[in-house]
Amino acid sequence: MYNLWKYIQILKLTGKKEHEGDQLINLLDLQIKFNEVLKKKLTIEEFEQWVYVTPEIAEHYGHALYLELISLDFKGKYIDLDLEQLLTPVMPFGELEYRIIKEELELVASDTNDIDKVLDNIYENYCDGYSFLRFLGLSFALLGGSNGTLIINEGVRELLREEAKRLLRFIEVDKIRITGMFEYDDFRDSEYRIELTNVELMLRKLEEKIQEK
């Protein structure tokens, strides 16, 4: 009974947002949030609070799923498993992960020098299963300074930029196809998988660039 009352109160928030002209959250925003909590990039506490103020979940996924979501015991021992079982069936992981990885590589391939956070994300994605990100992920580990800020000179930046562009070309022609969360198919010939077969040479070049002034 309490959950039903809470659900009704939350649904009233939708009408209030529309009446006051607040921006409603779109489907992609919801998918990103679901993805973040499943990948543990968002705490359970943060996700719970977000769920209670996001009635748009019901609009995009149906009232039954939203009611089930707000009825979860977010402090329970098995909440991670509960969320996985509830959210995984409605998540287009391949499409969403493709978008995320592509956007991160595009940032590294761009002219911006503000890439500390994106390299951190790439490192985590590499560790979690995206092996084609190996060189960029290991680069993040090698470039860390004593104060936590990455030390990136122009030579290093260009090396990272070239690798991001190389991977983007394979992704865009479907030679690297992301199929799910931390899952992908690699259709490249072996000589093009240099980040897997010859990463030592790539890292030596990186170390040489690090030494440049």
N, C-alpha and C. Protein backbone atom coordinates (compact mmCIF):
# COMPACT_ATOMS: atom_id res chain seq x y z
N MET A 1 0.83 -1.20 0.00
CA MET A 1 0.00 0.00 0.00
C MET A 1 0.87 1.25 0.00
N TYR A 2 1.94 1.21 0.79
CA TYR A 2 2.83 2.37 0.85
C TYR A 2 3.48 2.63 -0.50
N ASN A 3 3.92 1.55 -1.17
CA ASN A 3 4.56 1.71 -2.47
C ASN A 3 3.60 2.29 -3.50
N LEU A 4 2.33 1.89 -3.44
CA LEU A 4 1.34 2.44 -4.36
C LEU A 4 1.14 3.92 -4.10
N TRP A 5 1.07 4.31 -2.83
CA TRP A 5 0.93 5.73 -2.49
C TRP A 5 2.14 6.52 -2.98
N LYS A 6 3.32 5.96 -2.76
CA LYS A 6 4.55 6.62 -3.20
C LYS A 6 4.56 6.76 -4.72
N TYR A 7 4.09 5.73 -5.40
CA TYR A 7 4.04 5.74 -6.86
C TYR A 7 3.13 6.86 -7.35
N ILE A 8 1.97 7.01 -6.73
CA ILE A 8 1.03 8.05 -7.13
C ILE A 8 1.65 9.43 -6.92
N GLN A 9 2.35 9.62 -5.81
CA GLN A 9 2.99 10.90 -5.54
C GLN A 9 4.06 11.21 -6.59
N ILE A 10 4.80 10.19 -6.97
CA ILE A 10 5.86 10.38 -7.98
C ILE A 10 5.25 10.74 -9.32
N LEU A 11 4.16 10.07 -9.70
CA LEU A 11 3.53 10.35 -10.98
C LEU A 11 3.02 11.79 -11.05
N LYS A 12 2.64 12.35 -9.91
CA LYS A 12 2.19 13.74 -9.89
C LYS A 12 3.32 14.68 -10.30
N LEU A 13 4.56 14.22 -10.07
CA LEU A 13 5.73 15.03 -10.42
C LEU A 13 5.82 15.25 -11.91
N THR A 14 5.36 14.26 -12.70
CA THR A 14 5.39 14.41 -14.15
C THR A 14 4.54 15.58 -14.59
N GLY A 15 3.30 15.63 -14.08
CA GLY A 15 2.42 16.73 -14.43
C GLY A 15 2.97 18.06 -13.97
N LYS A 16 3.61 18.08 -12.80
CA LYS A 16 4.20 19.31 -12.28
C LYS A 16 5.32 19.79 -13.19
N LYS A 17 6.16 18.86 -13.66
CA LYS A 17 7.25 19.23 -14.56
C LYS A 17 6.70 19.83 -15.85
N GLU A 18 5.67 19.17 -16.41
CA GLU A 18 5.10 19.66 -17.66
C GLU A 18 4.47 21.03 -17.47
N HIS A 19 3.77 21.21 -16.34
CA HIS A 19 3.10 22.48 -16.07
C HIS A 19 4.10 23.61 -15.89
N GLU A 20 5.20 23.32 -15.22
CA GLU A 20 6.18 24.36 -14.93
C GLU A 20 7.21 24.52 -16.04
N GLY A 21 7.13 23.68 -17.07
CA GLY A 21 8.06 23.81 -18.19
C GLY A 21 9.41 23.19 -17.95
N ASP A 22 9.55 22.35 -16.90
CA ASP A 22 10.83 21.68 -16.67
C ASP A 22 11.10 20.70 -17.80
N GLN A 23 12.38 20.48 -18.09
CA GLN A 23 12.76 19.58 -19.16
C GLN A 23 12.55 18.13 -18.73
N LEU A 24 11.77 17.40 -19.51
CA LEU A 24 11.55 15.99 -19.22
C LEU A 24 12.74 15.18 -19.74
N ILE A 25 13.04 14.10 -19.05
CA ILE A 25 14.20 13.28 -19.39
C ILE A 25 13.84 12.35 -20.55
N ASN A 26 14.72 12.26 -21.55
CA ASN A 26 14.43 11.41 -22.70
C ASN A 26 14.93 9.99 -22.47
N LEU A 27 14.63 9.11 -23.41
CA LEU A 27 14.94 7.70 -23.26
C LEU A 27 16.43 7.45 -23.13
N LEU A 28 17.24 8.16 -23.92
CA LEU A 28 18.69 7.96 -23.86
C LEU A 28 19.24 8.32 -22.48
N ASP A 29 18.73 9.39 -21.89
CA ASP A 29 19.17 9.77 -20.54
C ASP A 29 18.88 8.65 -19.54
N LEU A 30 17.72 8.04 -19.67
CA LEU A 30 17.36 6.94 -18.78
C LEU A 30 18.28 5.75 -18.98
N GLN A 31 18.55 5.42 -20.23
CA GLN A 31 19.42 4.28 -20.54
C GLN A 31 20.82 4.50 -19.98
N ILE A 32 21.32 5.71 -20.10
CA ILE A 32 22.65 6.02 -19.59
C ILE A 32 22.69 5.84 -18.07
N LYS A 33 21.64 6.28 -17.39
CA LYS A 33 21.59 6.14 -15.93
C LYS A 33 21.52 4.68 -15.52
N PHE A 34 20.69 3.91 -16.21
CA PHE A 34 20.60 2.47 -15.93
C PHE A 34 21.96 1.81 -16.15
N ASN A 35 22.60 2.20 -17.24
CA ASN A 35 23.90 1.63 -17.58
C ASN A 35 24.94 1.95 -16.50
N GLU A 36 24.90 3.18 -15.99
CA GLU A 36 25.87 3.60 -14.98
C GLU A 36 25.72 2.80 -13.69
N VAL A 37 24.49 2.56 -13.27
CA VAL A 37 24.32 1.81 -12.01
C VAL A 37 24.68 0.35 -12.19
N LEU A 38 24.39 -0.22 -13.37
CA LEU A 38 24.74 -1.61 -13.62
C LEU A 38 26.25 -1.80 -13.72
N LYS A 39 26.95 -0.76 -14.20
CA LYS A 39 28.41 -0.82 -14.30
C LYS A 39 29.09 -0.30 -13.04
N LYS A 40 28.26 0.02 -12.03
CA LYS A 40 28.76 0.50 -10.73
C LYS A 40 29.52 1.81 -10.83
N LYS A 41 29.17 2.62 -11.81
CA LYS A 41 29.71 3.97 -11.91
C LYS A 41 28.83 4.96 -11.14
N LEU A 42 27.70 4.48 -10.66
CA LEU A 42 26.76 5.27 -9.88
C LEU A 42 26.40 4.44 -8.64
N THR A 43 26.43 5.07 -7.48
CA THR A 43 26.14 4.32 -6.25
C THR A 43 24.65 3.97 -6.19
N ILE A 44 24.34 2.94 -5.42
CA ILE A 44 22.95 2.54 -5.23
C ILE A 44 22.15 3.68 -4.60
N GLU A 45 22.76 4.38 -3.65
CA GLU A 45 22.08 5.49 -2.98
C GLU A 45 21.74 6.60 -3.97
N GLU A 46 22.69 6.94 -4.83
CA GLU A 46 22.44 7.98 -5.84
C GLU A 46 21.36 7.55 -6.82
N PHE A 47 21.42 6.29 -7.22
CA PHE A 47 20.43 5.78 -8.17
C PHE A 47 19.04 5.77 -7.55
N GLU A 48 18.94 5.36 -6.30
CA GLU A 48 17.64 5.33 -5.62
C GLU A 48 17.00 6.72 -5.59
N GLN A 49 17.77 7.72 -5.21
CA GLN A 49 17.24 9.09 -5.16
C GLN A 49 16.82 9.57 -6.53
N TRP A 50 17.59 9.20 -7.55
CA TRP A 50 17.26 9.59 -8.93
C TRP A 50 15.96 8.93 -9.37
N VAL A 51 15.79 7.66 -9.04
CA VAL A 51 14.57 6.93 -9.42
C VAL A 51 13.33 7.63 -8.88
N TYR A 52 13.38 8.08 -7.64
CA TYR A 52 12.21 8.67 -7.00
C TYR A 52 11.81 10.01 -7.62
N VAL A 53 12.72 10.68 -8.28
CA VAL A 53 12.39 11.98 -8.88
C VAL A 53 12.36 11.90 -10.41
N THR A 54 12.24 10.68 -10.94
CA THR A 54 12.26 10.51 -12.39
C THR A 54 11.07 9.68 -12.85
N PRO A 55 9.88 10.26 -12.81
CA PRO A 55 8.69 9.54 -13.25
C PRO A 55 8.68 9.24 -14.74
N GLU A 56 9.58 9.88 -15.49
CA GLU A 56 9.66 9.60 -16.93
C GLU A 56 9.99 8.13 -17.21
N ILE A 57 10.54 7.43 -16.21
CA ILE A 57 10.81 6.00 -16.37
C ILE A 57 9.52 5.27 -16.73
N ALA A 58 8.43 5.64 -16.08
CA ALA A 58 7.13 5.00 -16.34
C ALA A 58 6.65 5.29 -17.75
N GLU A 59 6.92 6.49 -18.25
CA GLU A 59 6.47 6.85 -19.58
C GLU A 59 7.18 6.03 -20.65
N HIS A 60 8.46 5.78 -20.46
CA HIS A 60 9.24 5.08 -21.48
C HIS A 60 9.24 3.56 -21.31
N TYR A 61 9.12 3.10 -20.05
CA TYR A 61 9.24 1.65 -19.80
C TYR A 61 7.97 1.02 -19.25
N GLY A 62 6.96 1.84 -19.00
CA GLY A 62 5.70 1.31 -18.50
C GLY A 62 5.57 1.45 -17.00
N HIS A 63 4.32 1.55 -16.56
CA HIS A 63 4.05 1.75 -15.13
C HIS A 63 4.41 0.53 -14.30
N ALA A 64 4.27 -0.66 -14.88
CA ALA A 64 4.56 -1.88 -14.12
C ALA A 64 6.03 -1.95 -13.73
N LEU A 65 6.91 -1.66 -14.68
CA LEU A 65 8.34 -1.70 -14.38
C LEU A 65 8.72 -0.63 -13.37
N TYR A 66 8.14 0.56 -13.53
CA TYR A 66 8.49 1.64 -12.60
C TYR A 66 8.03 1.31 -11.18
N LEU A 67 6.83 0.76 -11.06
CA LEU A 67 6.33 0.38 -9.73
C LEU A 67 7.22 -0.69 -9.11
N GLU A 68 7.66 -1.64 -9.95
CA GLU A 68 8.55 -2.69 -9.46
C GLU A 68 9.89 -2.09 -9.03
N LEU A 69 10.35 -1.10 -9.78
CA LEU A 69 11.64 -0.47 -9.48
C LEU A 69 11.60 0.27 -8.15
N ILE A 70 10.57 1.07 -7.92
CA ILE A 70 10.51 1.84 -6.67
C ILE A 70 10.15 0.96 -5.48
N SER A 71 9.73 -0.28 -5.76
CA SER A 71 9.40 -1.21 -4.68
C SER A 71 10.60 -2.02 -4.22
N LEU A 72 11.73 -1.89 -4.92
CA LEU A 72 12.92 -2.65 -4.54
C LEU A 72 13.45 -2.20 -3.18
N ASP A 73 14.08 -3.13 -2.49
CA ASP A 73 14.76 -2.81 -1.23
C ASP A 73 16.18 -2.37 -1.58
N PHE A 74 16.38 -1.06 -1.72
CA PHE A 74 17.67 -0.54 -2.17
C PHE A 74 18.77 -0.73 -1.13
N LYS A 75 18.40 -1.07 0.08
CA LYS A 75 19.40 -1.34 1.12
C LYS A 75 19.57 -2.84 1.36
N GLY A 76 18.91 -3.62 0.53
CA GLY A 76 18.97 -5.06 0.70
C GLY A 76 20.29 -5.66 0.23
N LYS A 77 20.57 -6.85 0.68
CA LYS A 77 21.83 -7.53 0.38
C LYS A 77 21.97 -7.86 -1.10
N TYR A 78 20.85 -8.10 -1.76
CA TYR A 78 20.89 -8.56 -3.15
C TYR A 78 20.42 -7.49 -4.14
N ILE A 79 20.54 -6.22 -3.77
CA ILE A 79 20.03 -5.16 -4.63
C ILE A 79 20.74 -5.12 -5.98
N ASP A 80 22.05 -5.41 -6.02
CA ASP A 80 22.75 -5.42 -7.30
C ASP A 80 22.15 -6.47 -8.24
N LEU A 81 21.88 -7.64 -7.71
CA LEU A 81 21.28 -8.71 -8.51
C LEU A 81 19.86 -8.35 -8.91
N ASP A 82 19.11 -7.74 -7.98
CA ASP A 82 17.73 -7.33 -8.28
C ASP A 82 17.70 -6.33 -9.43
N LEU A 83 18.60 -5.36 -9.40
CA LEU A 83 18.65 -4.35 -10.46
C LEU A 83 19.06 -4.98 -11.79
N GLU A 84 20.02 -5.88 -11.73
CA GLU A 84 20.47 -6.55 -12.95
C GLU A 84 19.32 -7.34 -13.59
N GLN A 85 18.58 -8.07 -12.78
CA GLN A 85 17.48 -8.87 -13.30
C GLN A 85 16.34 -8.00 -13.85
N LEU A 86 16.13 -6.85 -13.24
CA LEU A 86 15.03 -5.98 -13.66
C LEU A 86 15.39 -5.14 -14.89
N LEU A 87 16.62 -4.62 -14.92
CA LEU A 87 16.99 -3.66 -15.96
C LEU A 87 17.61 -4.29 -17.21
N THR A 88 18.34 -5.38 -17.03
CA THR A 88 19.04 -5.98 -18.17
C THR A 88 18.11 -6.31 -19.34
N PRO A 89 16.92 -6.87 -19.11
CA PRO A 89 16.05 -7.21 -20.25
C PRO A 89 15.59 -6.01 -21.08
N VAL A 90 15.61 -4.81 -20.51
CA VAL A 90 15.10 -3.64 -21.24
C VAL A 90 16.22 -2.75 -21.77
N MET A 91 17.46 -3.20 -21.62
CA MET A 91 18.60 -2.36 -22.00
C MET A 91 19.19 -2.79 -23.35
N PRO A 92 19.31 -1.85 -24.30
CA PRO A 92 19.98 -2.14 -25.58
C PRO A 92 21.49 -1.93 -25.42
N PHE A 93 22.15 -2.85 -24.72
CA PHE A 93 23.54 -2.63 -24.34
C PHE A 93 24.46 -2.42 -25.53
N GLY A 94 24.27 -3.19 -26.59
CA GLY A 94 25.16 -3.05 -27.74
C GLY A 94 25.13 -1.65 -28.31
N GLU A 95 23.93 -1.14 -28.54
CA GLU A 95 23.76 0.20 -29.10
C GLU A 95 24.28 1.28 -28.16
N LEU A 96 23.98 1.14 -26.88
CA LEU A 96 24.38 2.16 -25.90
C LEU A 96 25.89 2.15 -25.69
N GLU A 97 26.47 0.97 -25.53
CA GLU A 97 27.91 0.88 -25.33
C GLU A 97 28.66 1.37 -26.57
N TYR A 98 28.13 1.08 -27.74
CA TYR A 98 28.72 1.60 -28.99
C TYR A 98 28.77 3.12 -28.95
N ARG A 99 27.68 3.73 -28.57
CA ARG A 99 27.62 5.19 -28.52
C ARG A 99 28.63 5.76 -27.52
N ILE A 100 28.71 5.13 -26.34
CA ILE A 100 29.60 5.62 -25.29
C ILE A 100 31.06 5.49 -25.71
N ILE A 101 31.45 4.31 -26.20
CA ILE A 101 32.84 4.08 -26.61
C ILE A 101 33.21 5.00 -27.76
N LYS A 102 32.32 5.15 -28.72
CA LYS A 102 32.60 6.00 -29.88
C LYS A 102 32.80 7.45 -29.45
N GLU A 103 31.96 7.95 -28.56
CA GLU A 103 32.09 9.33 -28.10
C GLU A 103 33.39 9.54 -27.34
N GLU A 104 33.79 8.55 -26.54
CA GLU A 104 35.04 8.67 -25.79
C GLU A 104 36.24 8.68 -26.73
N LEU A 105 36.23 7.81 -27.73
CA LEU A 105 37.33 7.79 -28.70
C LEU A 105 37.36 9.07 -29.52
N GLU A 106 36.21 9.61 -29.85
CA GLU A 106 36.16 10.87 -30.60
C GLU A 106 36.77 12.01 -29.80
N LEU A 107 36.58 12.01 -28.49
CA LEU A 107 37.21 13.03 -27.65
C LEU A 107 38.72 12.91 -27.67
N VAL A 108 39.22 11.67 -27.56
CA VAL A 108 40.68 11.47 -27.60
C VAL A 108 41.22 11.82 -28.98
N ALA A 109 40.45 11.57 -30.02
CA ALA A 109 40.88 11.86 -31.39
C ALA A 109 40.81 13.35 -31.73
N SER A 110 40.14 14.13 -30.89
CA SER A 110 39.96 15.56 -31.16
C SER A 110 41.19 16.36 -30.74
N ASP A 111 41.08 17.67 -30.83
CA ASP A 111 42.19 18.56 -30.47
C ASP A 111 42.17 18.97 -28.99
N THR A 112 41.16 18.56 -28.26
CA THR A 112 41.09 18.96 -26.86
C THR A 112 42.19 18.29 -26.03
N ASN A 113 42.68 18.99 -25.04
CA ASN A 113 43.68 18.43 -24.14
C ASN A 113 43.06 18.00 -22.80
N ASP A 114 41.77 18.21 -22.67
CA ASP A 114 41.07 17.86 -21.43
C ASP A 114 40.56 16.42 -21.54
N ILE A 115 41.48 15.46 -21.40
CA ILE A 115 41.11 14.06 -21.63
C ILE A 115 41.39 13.17 -20.42
N ASP A 116 41.73 13.76 -19.27
CA ASP A 116 42.03 12.94 -18.09
C ASP A 116 40.87 12.01 -17.73
N LYS A 117 39.67 12.57 -17.67
CA LYS A 117 38.50 11.78 -17.26
C LYS A 117 38.17 10.72 -18.29
N VAL A 118 38.23 11.07 -19.56
CA VAL A 118 37.86 10.10 -20.60
C VAL A 118 38.87 8.96 -20.65
N LEU A 119 40.15 9.25 -20.43
CA LEU A 119 41.15 8.17 -20.39
C LEU A 119 40.93 7.27 -19.17
N ASP A 120 40.49 7.86 -18.08
CA ASP A 120 40.13 7.07 -16.90
C ASP A 120 39.00 6.10 -17.23
N ASN A 121 37.98 6.61 -17.93
CA ASN A 121 36.86 5.76 -18.33
C ASN A 121 37.31 4.65 -19.28
N ILE A 122 38.19 5.01 -20.22
CA ILE A 122 38.69 4.03 -21.18
C ILE A 122 39.48 2.95 -20.46
N TYR A 123 40.28 3.35 -19.48
CA TYR A 123 41.04 2.37 -18.69
C TYR A 123 40.10 1.38 -18.00
N GLU A 124 39.03 1.89 -17.40
CA GLU A 124 38.07 1.02 -16.72
C GLU A 124 37.39 0.09 -17.71
N ASN A 125 37.03 0.62 -18.88
CA ASN A 125 36.38 -0.21 -19.90
C ASN A 125 37.33 -1.29 -20.42
N TYR A 126 38.61 -0.95 -20.55
CA TYR A 126 39.60 -1.95 -20.95
C TYR A 126 39.69 -3.06 -19.91
N CYS A 127 39.79 -2.68 -18.66
CA CYS A 127 39.90 -3.67 -17.58
C CYS A 127 38.66 -4.56 -17.49
N ASP A 128 37.51 -4.00 -17.85
CA ASP A 128 36.26 -4.75 -17.74
C ASP A 128 35.99 -5.66 -18.93
N GLY A 129 36.80 -5.55 -20.01
CA GLY A 129 36.60 -6.50 -21.10
C GLY A 129 36.80 -6.00 -22.51
N TYR A 130 36.90 -4.68 -22.71
CA TYR A 130 37.11 -4.17 -24.06
C TYR A 130 38.61 -4.18 -24.37
N SER A 131 39.11 -5.32 -24.79
CA SER A 131 40.56 -5.50 -24.96
C SER A 131 41.14 -4.62 -26.05
N PHE A 132 40.33 -4.21 -27.04
CA PHE A 132 40.84 -3.37 -28.11
C PHE A 132 41.25 -1.99 -27.60
N LEU A 133 40.86 -1.64 -26.39
CA LEU A 133 41.26 -0.37 -25.77
C LEU A 133 42.57 -0.50 -24.98
N ARG A 134 43.27 -1.59 -25.20
CA ARG A 134 44.43 -1.93 -24.37
C ARG A 134 45.48 -0.82 -24.32
N PHE A 135 45.91 -0.33 -25.47
CA PHE A 135 46.97 0.67 -25.47
C PHE A 135 46.53 1.95 -24.77
N LEU A 136 45.34 2.43 -25.09
CA LEU A 136 44.86 3.66 -24.45
C LEU A 136 44.66 3.46 -22.95
N GLY A 137 44.18 2.29 -22.57
CA GLY A 137 43.99 2.00 -21.15
C GLY A 137 45.30 1.95 -20.39
N LEU A 138 46.29 1.26 -20.96
CA LEU A 138 47.60 1.18 -20.30
C LEU A 138 48.30 2.53 -20.31
N SER A 139 48.03 3.34 -21.33
CA SER A 139 48.61 4.69 -21.38
C SER A 139 48.15 5.50 -20.18
N PHE A 140 46.88 5.37 -19.83
CA PHE A 140 46.35 6.09 -18.66
C PHE A 140 47.14 5.71 -17.41
N ALA A 141 47.44 4.43 -17.27
CA ALA A 141 48.17 3.96 -16.09
C ALA A 141 49.60 4.50 -16.07
N LEU A 142 50.20 4.66 -17.25
CA LEU A 142 51.59 5.12 -17.33
C LEU A 142 51.74 6.63 -17.19
N LEU A 143 50.69 7.36 -17.51
CA LEU A 143 50.79 8.82 -17.58
C LEU A 143 50.42 9.53 -16.29
N GLY A 144 50.02 8.79 -15.27
CA GLY A 144 49.59 9.42 -14.03
C GLY A 144 50.72 10.14 -13.31
N GLY A 145 50.49 11.38 -12.93
CA GLY A 145 51.47 12.15 -12.17
C GLY A 145 51.30 11.94 -10.68
N SER A 146 52.22 12.49 -9.90
CA SER A 146 52.19 12.30 -8.45
C SER A 146 50.97 12.94 -7.80
N ASN A 147 50.41 13.98 -8.44
CA ASN A 147 49.25 14.66 -7.88
C ASN A 147 47.93 14.16 -8.48
N GLY A 148 48.01 13.08 -9.25
CA GLY A 148 46.80 12.51 -9.85
C GLY A 148 46.45 13.07 -11.20
N THR A 149 47.17 14.10 -11.66
CA THR A 149 46.93 14.69 -12.97
C THR A 149 47.80 14.01 -14.01
N LEU A 150 47.24 13.72 -15.16
CA LEU A 150 48.01 13.07 -16.21
C LEU A 150 49.05 14.02 -16.78
N ILE A 151 50.23 13.48 -17.07
CA ILE A 151 51.31 14.26 -17.68
C ILE A 151 51.33 13.96 -19.17
N ILE A 152 50.82 14.89 -19.97
CA ILE A 152 50.66 14.65 -21.40
C ILE A 152 51.30 15.79 -22.18
N ASN A 153 52.45 15.53 -22.82
CA ASN A 153 53.04 16.54 -23.70
C ASN A 153 52.45 16.37 -25.10
N GLU A 154 52.87 17.20 -26.04
CA GLU A 154 52.27 17.18 -27.37
C GLU A 154 52.57 15.89 -28.11
N GLY A 155 53.77 15.34 -27.91
CA GLY A 155 54.11 14.08 -28.56
C GLY A 155 53.23 12.94 -28.08
N VAL A 156 53.01 12.89 -26.78
CA VAL A 156 52.13 11.87 -26.20
C VAL A 156 50.70 12.07 -26.69
N ARG A 157 50.28 13.34 -26.71
CA ARG A 157 48.90 13.64 -27.13
C ARG A 157 48.66 13.18 -28.56
N GLU A 158 49.63 13.38 -29.43
CA GLU A 158 49.47 12.98 -30.83
C GLU A 158 49.42 11.46 -30.96
N LEU A 159 50.20 10.76 -30.15
CA LEU A 159 50.19 9.30 -30.17
C LEU A 159 48.82 8.76 -29.74
N LEU A 160 48.26 9.35 -28.71
CA LEU A 160 46.93 8.94 -28.25
C LEU A 160 45.87 9.27 -29.30
N ARG A 161 46.03 10.42 -29.92
CA ARG A 161 45.08 10.85 -30.95
C ARG A 161 45.09 9.86 -32.13
N GLU A 162 46.27 9.46 -32.56
CA GLU A 162 46.39 8.53 -33.68
C GLU A 162 45.75 7.18 -33.36
N GLU A 163 45.95 6.69 -32.13
CA GLU A 163 45.37 5.40 -31.75
C GLU A 163 43.85 5.48 -31.70
N ALA A 164 43.32 6.57 -31.18
CA ALA A 164 41.86 6.74 -31.13
C ALA A 164 41.28 6.77 -32.54
N LYS A 165 41.93 7.48 -33.44
CA LYS A 165 41.46 7.54 -34.83
C LYS A 165 41.52 6.17 -35.49
N ARG A 166 42.57 5.42 -35.20
CA ARG A 166 42.72 4.08 -35.78
C ARG A 166 41.57 3.17 -35.34
N LEU A 167 41.26 3.20 -34.04
CA LEU A 167 40.17 2.37 -33.53
C LEU A 167 38.82 2.82 -34.06
N LEU A 168 38.64 4.13 -34.19
CA LEU A 168 37.38 4.65 -34.72
C LEU A 168 37.13 4.16 -36.14
N ARG A 169 38.19 4.09 -36.94
CA ARG A 169 38.03 3.62 -38.32
C ARG A 169 37.50 2.18 -38.33
N PHE A 170 38.03 1.35 -37.45
CA PHE A 170 37.57 -0.04 -37.40
C PHE A 170 36.13 -0.14 -36.89
N ILE A 171 35.79 0.69 -35.92
CA ILE A 171 34.42 0.68 -35.39
C ILE A 171 33.43 1.15 -36.45
N GLU A 172 33.80 2.19 -37.19
CA GLU A 172 32.89 2.78 -38.16
C GLU A 172 32.63 1.87 -39.36
N VAL A 173 33.57 0.98 -39.68
CA VAL A 173 33.37 0.04 -40.79
C VAL A 173 32.96 -1.34 -40.28
N ASP A 174 32.60 -1.41 -39.00
CA ASP A 174 32.07 -2.63 -38.38
C ASP A 174 33.08 -3.76 -38.28
N LYS A 175 34.36 -3.41 -38.26
CA LYS A 175 35.39 -4.43 -38.02
C LYS A 175 35.50 -4.73 -36.52
N ILE A 176 35.17 -3.73 -35.72
CA ILE A 176 34.99 -3.94 -34.27
C ILE A 176 33.52 -3.65 -33.99
N ARG A 177 32.80 -4.65 -33.56
CA ARG A 177 31.36 -4.51 -33.35
C ARG A 177 31.03 -4.77 -31.88
N ILE A 178 30.55 -3.74 -31.20
CA ILE A 178 30.18 -3.88 -29.79
C ILE A 178 28.79 -4.50 -29.71
N THR A 179 28.68 -5.61 -29.01
CA THR A 179 27.45 -6.39 -29.01
C THR A 179 26.72 -6.37 -27.67
N GLY A 180 27.37 -5.94 -26.61
CA GLY A 180 26.74 -5.93 -25.30
C GLY A 180 27.64 -5.24 -24.30
N MET A 181 27.28 -5.32 -23.03
CA MET A 181 28.12 -4.72 -22.00
C MET A 181 29.42 -5.50 -21.87
N PHE A 182 30.52 -4.86 -22.23
CA PHE A 182 31.86 -5.46 -22.20
C PHE A 182 31.98 -6.66 -23.15
N GLU A 183 31.16 -6.67 -24.19
CA GLU A 183 31.21 -7.74 -25.18
C GLU A 183 31.35 -7.14 -26.57
N TYR A 184 32.19 -7.75 -27.39
CA TYR A 184 32.36 -7.25 -28.75
C TYR A 184 32.89 -8.37 -29.65
N ASP A 185 32.67 -8.18 -30.96
CA ASP A 185 33.24 -9.07 -31.96
C ASP A 185 34.34 -8.32 -32.69
N ASP A 186 35.43 -9.00 -32.96
CA ASP A 186 36.58 -8.39 -33.63
C ASP A 186 36.81 -9.10 -34.96
N PHE A 187 36.52 -8.41 -36.06
CA PHE A 187 36.64 -8.99 -37.39
C PHE A 187 37.91 -8.54 -38.11
N ARG A 188 38.82 -7.91 -37.39
CA ARG A 188 40.05 -7.43 -38.02
C ARG A 188 41.00 -8.59 -38.31
N ASP A 189 41.79 -8.43 -39.36
CA ASP A 189 42.88 -9.38 -39.59
C ASP A 189 43.90 -9.20 -38.48
N SER A 190 44.66 -10.23 -38.21
CA SER A 190 45.57 -10.24 -37.06
C SER A 190 46.59 -9.10 -37.11
N GLU A 191 47.02 -8.71 -38.31
CA GLU A 191 48.04 -7.66 -38.39
C GLU A 191 47.51 -6.30 -37.96
N TYR A 192 46.19 -6.14 -37.89
CA TYR A 192 45.61 -4.87 -37.47
C TYR A 192 45.26 -4.85 -35.99
N ARG A 193 45.51 -5.96 -35.30
CA ARG A 193 45.23 -6.01 -33.86
C ARG A 193 46.51 -5.73 -33.07
N ILE A 194 47.20 -4.69 -33.47
CA ILE A 194 48.53 -4.44 -32.90
C ILE A 194 48.47 -4.12 -31.41
N GLU A 195 47.34 -3.58 -30.95
CA GLU A 195 47.22 -3.28 -29.51
C GLU A 195 47.15 -4.56 -28.69
N LEU A 196 46.89 -5.68 -29.35
CA LEU A 196 46.85 -6.97 -28.68
C LEU A 196 48.10 -7.80 -28.94
N THR A 197 48.63 -7.70 -30.17
CA THR A 197 49.75 -8.56 -30.56
C THR A 197 51.11 -7.90 -30.37
N ASN A 198 51.15 -6.57 -30.32
CA ASN A 198 52.44 -5.89 -30.23
C ASN A 198 52.35 -4.63 -29.38
N VAL A 199 51.65 -4.73 -28.27
CA VAL A 199 51.46 -3.56 -27.42
C VAL A 199 52.78 -3.11 -26.79
N GLU A 200 53.73 -4.04 -26.64
CA GLU A 200 55.02 -3.66 -26.05
C GLU A 200 55.72 -2.60 -26.89
N LEU A 201 55.67 -2.76 -28.22
CA LEU A 201 56.27 -1.76 -29.11
C LEU A 201 55.54 -0.43 -28.99
N MET A 202 54.24 -0.47 -28.91
CA MET A 202 53.45 0.75 -28.77
C MET A 202 53.78 1.47 -27.47
N LEU A 203 53.96 0.71 -26.40
CA LEU A 203 54.28 1.32 -25.11
C LEU A 203 55.69 1.88 -25.08
N ARG A 204 56.61 1.24 -25.81
CA ARG A 204 57.97 1.80 -25.90
C ARG A 204 57.95 3.15 -26.59
N LYS A 205 57.16 3.27 -27.65
CA LYS A 205 57.02 4.56 -28.34
C LYS A 205 56.42 5.59 -27.40
N LEU A 206 55.46 5.16 -26.59
CA LEU A 206 54.86 6.08 -25.63
C LEU A 206 55.89 6.56 -24.62
N GLU A 207 56.69 5.65 -24.11
CA GLU A 207 57.72 6.03 -23.14
C GLU A 207 58.72 7.00 -23.74
N GLU A 208 59.06 6.81 -25.02
CA GLU A 208 59.96 7.74 -25.70
C GLU A 208 59.34 9.13 -25.77
N LYS A 209 58.04 9.19 -26.07
CA LYS A 209 57.36 10.48 -26.15
C LYS A 209 57.26 11.14 -24.78
N ILE A 210 57.09 10.33 -23.74
CA ILE A 210 57.01 10.88 -22.38
C ILE A 210 58.29 11.61 -22.01
N GLN A 211 59.43 11.09 -22.48
CA GLN A 211 60.73 11.67 -22.15
C GLN A 211 61.00 12.97 -22.90
N GLU A 212 60.25 13.22 -23.98
CA GLU A 212 60.47 14.44 -24.76
C GLU A 212 60.02 15.66 -23.97
N LYS A 213 60.75 16.73 -24.16
CA LYS A 213 60.41 17.99 -23.48
C LYS A 213 59.51 18.85 -24.36
